[in-house]
Amino acid sequence: MLREQSVDDVLAAIGAKTPAPASGAATALTAALAAALAELSARYAGDEAGAERARTLAAELVELGDADATAYAAFLADKNEKSRAEIVRIPEEIARGADEVVELALAAAERVSTSVAGDARAAAELARAAAGVARGLAQLNRAQINRAGS
């Protein structure tokens, strides 16, 4: 579980020569870090609802990172219909969560001082990148499913 590991252990796990955790988990964690920055920014903007939503998204994104690693391992073990669907669904969920982080961060960026605006902008850019990567992973996984099915 990513949540229970130190940063060093997560980095070592992602860098290991194993199929998972890999880019899906890294993308989810990037989006979760962006959500934490969006939470910070929303708090400075006086938007407690936005801050709480960002906090919830961060937790969900970490869970999705774990789910991605589990789903990919399950797909490699048994390329059944459920495992095929999961390796597409999870990156798509990561992308949707990251998109919401972008919105929260940009909303906060408009209402904070310049000293916090950098955090809000960093949150938006990190989340935007994570969303793009997650969508790309879903697309690659779809292609892998199509190759495996033929």
Protein backbone atom coordinates (compact mmCIF):
# COMPACT_ATOMS: atom_id res chain seq x y z
CA MET A 1 0.00 0.00 0.00
CA LEU A 2 1.45 3.32 -1.10
CA ARG A 3 0.01 5.20 1.88
CA GLU A 4 1.87 2.98 4.32
CA GLN A 5 5.31 3.32 2.69
CA SER A 6 7.96 5.96 3.11
CA VAL A 7 8.72 8.19 0.16
CA ASP A 8 12.00 6.34 -0.33
CA ASP A 9 10.20 2.98 -0.37
CA VAL A 10 7.62 4.23 -2.88
CA LEU A 11 10.37 5.54 -5.15
CA ALA A 12 12.25 2.24 -4.88
CA ALA A 13 9.09 0.26 -5.66
CA ILE A 14 8.31 2.37 -8.71
CA GLY A 15 11.92 2.18 -9.89
CA ALA A 16 12.18 -1.59 -9.47
CA LYS A 17 12.18 -3.85 -12.52
CA THR A 18 8.60 -4.99 -11.94
CA PRO A 19 5.43 -4.33 -13.93
CA ALA A 20 3.73 -2.56 -11.02
CA PRO A 21 3.72 -0.18 -9.35
CA ALA A 22 4.83 1.92 -12.28
CA SER A 23 3.47 4.84 -14.29
CA GLY A 24 -0.14 4.49 -13.09
CA ALA A 25 0.85 4.69 -9.43
CA ALA A 26 3.33 7.50 -10.15
CA THR A 27 0.65 9.43 -12.02
CA ALA A 28 -1.87 8.98 -9.20
CA LEU A 29 0.70 10.13 -6.65
CA THR A 30 1.56 13.16 -8.77
CA ALA A 31 -2.12 14.08 -8.85
CA ALA A 32 -2.36 13.50 -5.08
CA LEU A 33 0.57 15.86 -4.49
CA ALA A 34 -1.16 18.41 -6.70
CA ALA A 35 -4.32 17.95 -4.62
CA ALA A 36 -2.36 18.66 -1.45
CA LEU A 37 -1.09 21.91 -2.98
CA ALA A 38 -4.63 22.74 -4.08
CA GLU A 39 -5.79 22.13 -0.51
CA LEU A 40 -3.14 24.52 0.81
CA SER A 41 -4.10 27.12 -1.77
CA ALA A 42 -7.82 26.78 -1.07
CA ARG A 43 -7.21 27.24 2.66
CA TYR A 44 -5.31 30.47 2.00
CA ALA A 45 -8.13 31.54 -0.30
CA GLY A 46 -10.62 31.00 2.53
CA ASP A 47 -12.35 28.18 0.65
CA GLU A 48 -12.74 25.46 3.27
CA ALA A 49 -15.10 23.44 1.07
CA GLY A 50 -12.53 23.48 -1.73
CA ALA A 51 -9.78 22.54 0.72
CA GLU A 52 -11.78 19.60 2.05
CA ARG A 53 -12.59 18.43 -1.48
CA ALA A 54 -8.90 18.62 -2.40
CA ARG A 55 -8.03 16.62 0.72
CA THR A 56 -10.59 13.96 -0.22
CA LEU A 57 -9.27 13.84 -3.78
CA ALA A 58 -5.71 13.37 -2.53
CA ALA A 59 -6.78 10.33 -0.50
CA GLU A 60 -8.80 8.91 -3.40
CA LEU A 61 -5.89 9.38 -5.79
CA VAL A 62 -3.50 7.51 -3.49
CA GLU A 63 -6.04 4.68 -3.33
CA LEU A 64 -6.26 4.72 -7.13
CA GLY A 65 -2.46 4.40 -7.30
CA ASP A 66 -2.70 1.21 -5.26
CA ALA A 67 -5.66 0.02 -7.31
CA ASP A 68 -3.77 0.61 -10.54
CA ALA A 69 -0.83 -1.54 -9.42
CA THR A 70 -3.18 -4.30 -8.26
CA ALA A 71 -5.23 -4.17 -11.45
CA TYR A 72 -2.22 -4.34 -13.74
CA ALA A 73 -0.79 -7.31 -11.84
CA ALA A 74 -4.21 -9.03 -12.08
CA PHE A 75 -4.32 -8.34 -15.83
CA LEU A 76 -0.88 -9.87 -16.34
CA ALA A 77 -1.92 -12.94 -14.33
CA ASP A 78 -5.27 -13.43 -16.06
CA LYS A 79 -6.37 -11.40 -19.05
CA ASN A 80 -10.08 -11.83 -18.35
CA GLU A 81 -12.83 -9.33 -19.08
CA LYS A 82 -12.78 -7.81 -15.58
CA SER A 83 -9.01 -7.32 -15.46
CA ARG A 84 -9.07 -5.80 -18.94
CA ALA A 85 -11.76 -3.31 -17.94
CA GLU A 86 -9.95 -2.32 -14.74
CA ILE A 87 -6.67 -1.35 -16.43
CA VAL A 88 -8.62 1.18 -18.48
CA ARG A 89 -11.12 2.32 -15.85
CA ILE A 90 -8.57 3.16 -13.16
CA PRO A 91 -6.36 5.49 -15.22
CA GLU A 92 -9.54 7.17 -16.47
CA GLU A 93 -10.58 7.75 -12.84
CA ILE A 94 -7.14 9.15 -12.07
CA ALA A 95 -7.57 11.56 -14.97
CA ARG A 96 -11.01 12.67 -13.76
CA GLY A 97 -9.69 13.26 -10.24
CA ALA A 98 -6.73 15.20 -11.60
CA ASP A 99 -9.06 17.33 -13.73
CA GLU A 100 -11.00 18.26 -10.61
CA VAL A 101 -7.75 19.19 -8.85
CA VAL A 102 -6.94 21.55 -11.74
CA GLU A 103 -10.30 23.29 -11.28
CA LEU A 104 -9.83 23.65 -7.51
CA ALA A 105 -6.30 24.97 -7.91
CA LEU A 106 -7.24 27.52 -10.56
CA ALA A 107 -10.17 28.75 -8.47
CA ALA A 108 -7.85 29.26 -5.51
CA ALA A 109 -5.15 30.91 -7.63
CA GLU A 110 -7.50 33.78 -8.40
CA ARG A 111 -8.01 34.56 -4.71
CA VAL A 112 -4.62 34.21 -3.06
CA SER A 113 -1.56 36.42 -2.64
CA THR A 114 1.36 36.07 -4.99
CA SER A 115 3.25 34.10 -2.34
CA VAL A 116 0.62 31.33 -2.51
CA ALA A 117 -0.28 31.72 -6.18
CA GLY A 118 2.82 29.73 -7.10
CA ASP A 119 1.53 26.79 -5.07
CA ALA A 120 -1.87 27.02 -6.75
CA ARG A 121 -0.31 27.21 -10.20
CA ALA A 122 2.01 24.30 -9.40
CA ALA A 123 -1.02 22.28 -8.30
CA ALA A 124 -2.82 23.06 -11.54
CA GLU A 125 0.18 22.20 -13.74
CA LEU A 126 1.01 18.98 -11.90
CA ALA A 127 -2.62 17.87 -12.01
CA ARG A 128 -2.94 18.81 -15.69
CA ALA A 129 0.14 16.72 -16.49
CA ALA A 130 -1.16 13.80 -14.40
CA ALA A 131 -4.52 13.92 -16.18
CA GLY A 132 -2.84 13.82 -19.57
CA VAL A 133 -0.56 10.95 -18.62
CA ALA A 134 -3.45 8.99 -17.09
CA ARG A 135 -5.51 9.37 -20.27
CA GLY A 136 -2.52 8.22 -22.28
CA LEU A 137 -2.14 5.16 -20.05
CA ALA A 138 -5.80 4.28 -20.50
CA GLN A 139 -5.33 4.55 -24.26
CA LEU A 140 -2.19 2.39 -24.20
CA ASN A 141 -3.93 -0.17 -22.01
CA ARG A 142 -6.86 -0.27 -24.44
CA ALA A 143 -4.38 -0.98 -27.25
CA GLN A 144 -2.74 -3.72 -25.16
CA ILE A 145 -6.15 -5.30 -24.55
CA ASN A 146 -6.88 -5.25 -28.28
CA ARG A 147 -3.53 -6.94 -29.01
CA ALA A 148 -4.08 -9.51 -26.25
CA GLY A 149 -7.54 -10.28 -27.55
CA SER A 150 -6.43 -10.99 -31.09
